[in-house]
Protein backbone atom coordinates (compact mmCIF):
# COMPACT_ATOMS: atom_id res chain seq x y z
CA UNK A 1 4.78 10.67 21.79
CA UNK A 2 4.08 13.14 18.98
CA UNK A 3 0.81 14.97 19.51
CA UNK A 4 -0.62 13.99 16.12
CA UNK A 5 -0.14 10.30 16.91
CA UNK A 6 -1.66 10.76 20.37
CA UNK A 7 -4.65 12.46 18.73
CA UNK A 8 -5.39 9.41 16.56
CA UNK A 9 -4.84 7.00 19.45
CA UNK A 10 -7.29 8.95 21.60
CA UNK A 11 -9.80 8.99 18.76
CA UNK A 12 -9.48 5.20 18.37
CA UNK A 13 -10.74 4.90 21.94
CA UNK A 14 -13.24 7.74 22.13
CA UNK A 15 -14.71 7.83 18.62
CA UNK A 16 -13.52 4.93 16.44
CA UNK A 17 -16.13 5.64 13.76
CA UNK A 18 -14.69 9.13 13.28
CA UNK A 19 -11.19 7.67 12.91
CA UNK A 20 -12.42 5.20 10.30
CA UNK A 21 -14.25 7.97 8.44
CA UNK A 22 -11.03 10.01 8.38
CA UNK A 23 -9.33 7.19 6.45
CA UNK A 24 -11.50 7.86 3.43
CA UNK A 25 -11.47 11.63 3.73
CA UNK A 26 -9.55 13.74 1.25
CA UNK A 27 -9.02 16.41 3.91
CA UNK A 28 -5.89 15.00 5.54
CA UNK A 29 -2.32 15.51 4.35
CA UNK A 30 -0.67 12.23 3.40
CA UNK A 31 1.61 12.12 6.46
CA UNK A 32 -1.39 12.56 8.77
CA UNK A 33 -3.41 9.94 6.90
CA UNK A 34 -0.50 7.56 7.29
CA UNK A 35 -0.50 7.99 11.08
CA UNK A 36 -4.28 7.59 11.21
CA UNK A 37 -4.03 4.36 9.20
CA UNK A 38 -1.34 2.95 11.44
CA UNK A 39 -3.40 3.62 14.57
CA UNK A 40 -6.62 2.33 12.96
CA UNK A 41 -5.09 -1.12 12.78
CA UNK A 42 -6.30 -1.69 16.34
CA UNK A 43 -9.89 -1.49 15.05
CA UNK A 44 -11.15 -4.59 13.24
CA UNK A 45 -13.93 -2.44 11.79
CA UNK A 46 -11.29 -0.37 9.98
CA UNK A 47 -10.11 -3.32 7.89
CA UNK A 48 -11.97 -2.40 4.68
CA UNK A 49 -10.80 1.22 4.83
CA UNK A 50 -7.21 0.11 5.45
CA UNK A 51 -7.31 -2.35 2.56
CA UNK A 52 -8.55 0.45 0.31
CA UNK A 53 -5.58 2.61 1.36
CA UNK A 54 -3.20 -0.02 -0.03
CA UNK A 55 -4.10 1.45 -3.44
CA UNK A 56 -3.46 5.08 -2.41
CA UNK A 57 -1.19 7.10 -4.69
CA UNK A 58 1.10 8.08 -1.80
CA UNK A 59 3.65 5.49 -0.68
CA UNK A 60 3.58 7.09 2.78
CA UNK A 61 -0.13 6.30 3.08
CA UNK A 62 0.31 2.77 1.71
CA UNK A 63 3.04 2.17 4.27
CA UNK A 64 0.81 3.44 7.11
CA UNK A 65 -1.97 1.13 5.94
CA UNK A 66 0.45 -1.80 5.98
CA UNK A 67 1.49 -1.00 9.55
CA UNK A 68 -2.16 -0.84 10.55
CA UNK A 69 -3.07 -4.06 8.77
CA UNK A 70 -0.07 -5.87 10.27
CA UNK A 71 -2.02 -5.86 13.55
CA UNK A 72 -4.83 -7.80 11.84
CA UNK A 73 -2.82 -10.08 9.56
CA UNK A 74 -3.82 -13.27 11.37
CA UNK A 75 -7.52 -12.34 11.45
CA UNK A 76 -8.06 -12.31 7.70
CA UNK A 77 -6.18 -14.39 5.09
CA UNK A 78 -6.94 -11.71 2.46
CA UNK A 79 -4.59 -9.33 4.27
CA UNK A 80 -1.67 -11.75 3.98
CA UNK A 81 -2.47 -12.29 0.30
CA UNK A 82 -2.54 -8.54 -0.44
CA UNK A 83 0.68 -7.91 1.48
CA UNK A 84 2.43 -10.75 -0.34
CA UNK A 85 1.53 -9.13 -3.66
CA UNK A 86 2.66 -5.71 -2.44
CA UNK A 87 5.94 -7.11 -1.10
CA UNK A 88 6.72 -8.41 -4.57
CA UNK A 89 5.40 -5.67 -6.82
CA UNK A 90 4.79 -2.25 -5.24
CA UNK A 91 6.55 0.56 -7.08
CA UNK A 92 8.00 1.88 -3.79
CA UNK A 93 10.90 0.08 -2.18
CA UNK A 94 9.88 1.34 1.27
CA UNK A 95 6.36 -0.03 0.80
CA UNK A 96 7.68 -3.39 -0.42
CA UNK A 97 9.95 -3.56 2.65
CA UNK A 98 7.11 -2.65 5.04
CA UNK A 99 4.99 -5.43 3.52
CA UNK A 100 7.83 -7.95 3.85
CA UNK A 101 8.31 -6.98 7.50
CA UNK A 102 4.59 -7.32 8.19
CA UNK A 103 4.62 -10.82 6.72
CA UNK A 104 7.41 -12.01 9.03
């Protein structure tokens, strides 16, 4: 497993609040924020931060947020609604595809 992914997974267990705070930090490069978002999906308390990342300028970050939210899709109907909209209208083909896959 890549060390950066392992870092976020360890943080999800040891300090979930710090992981959630990182999602709204401007300090991370987009690729790192994407990994953090994907891992944060295991934390129900990260839902609002992940939903906010669906509007991020970077398609890489939006895709990571989708992967994270896919773990919570059955817990909140608003997630399914947002992903349905993204699957139909996001400007990035990769993001649209990730949303379609999450909805399956």
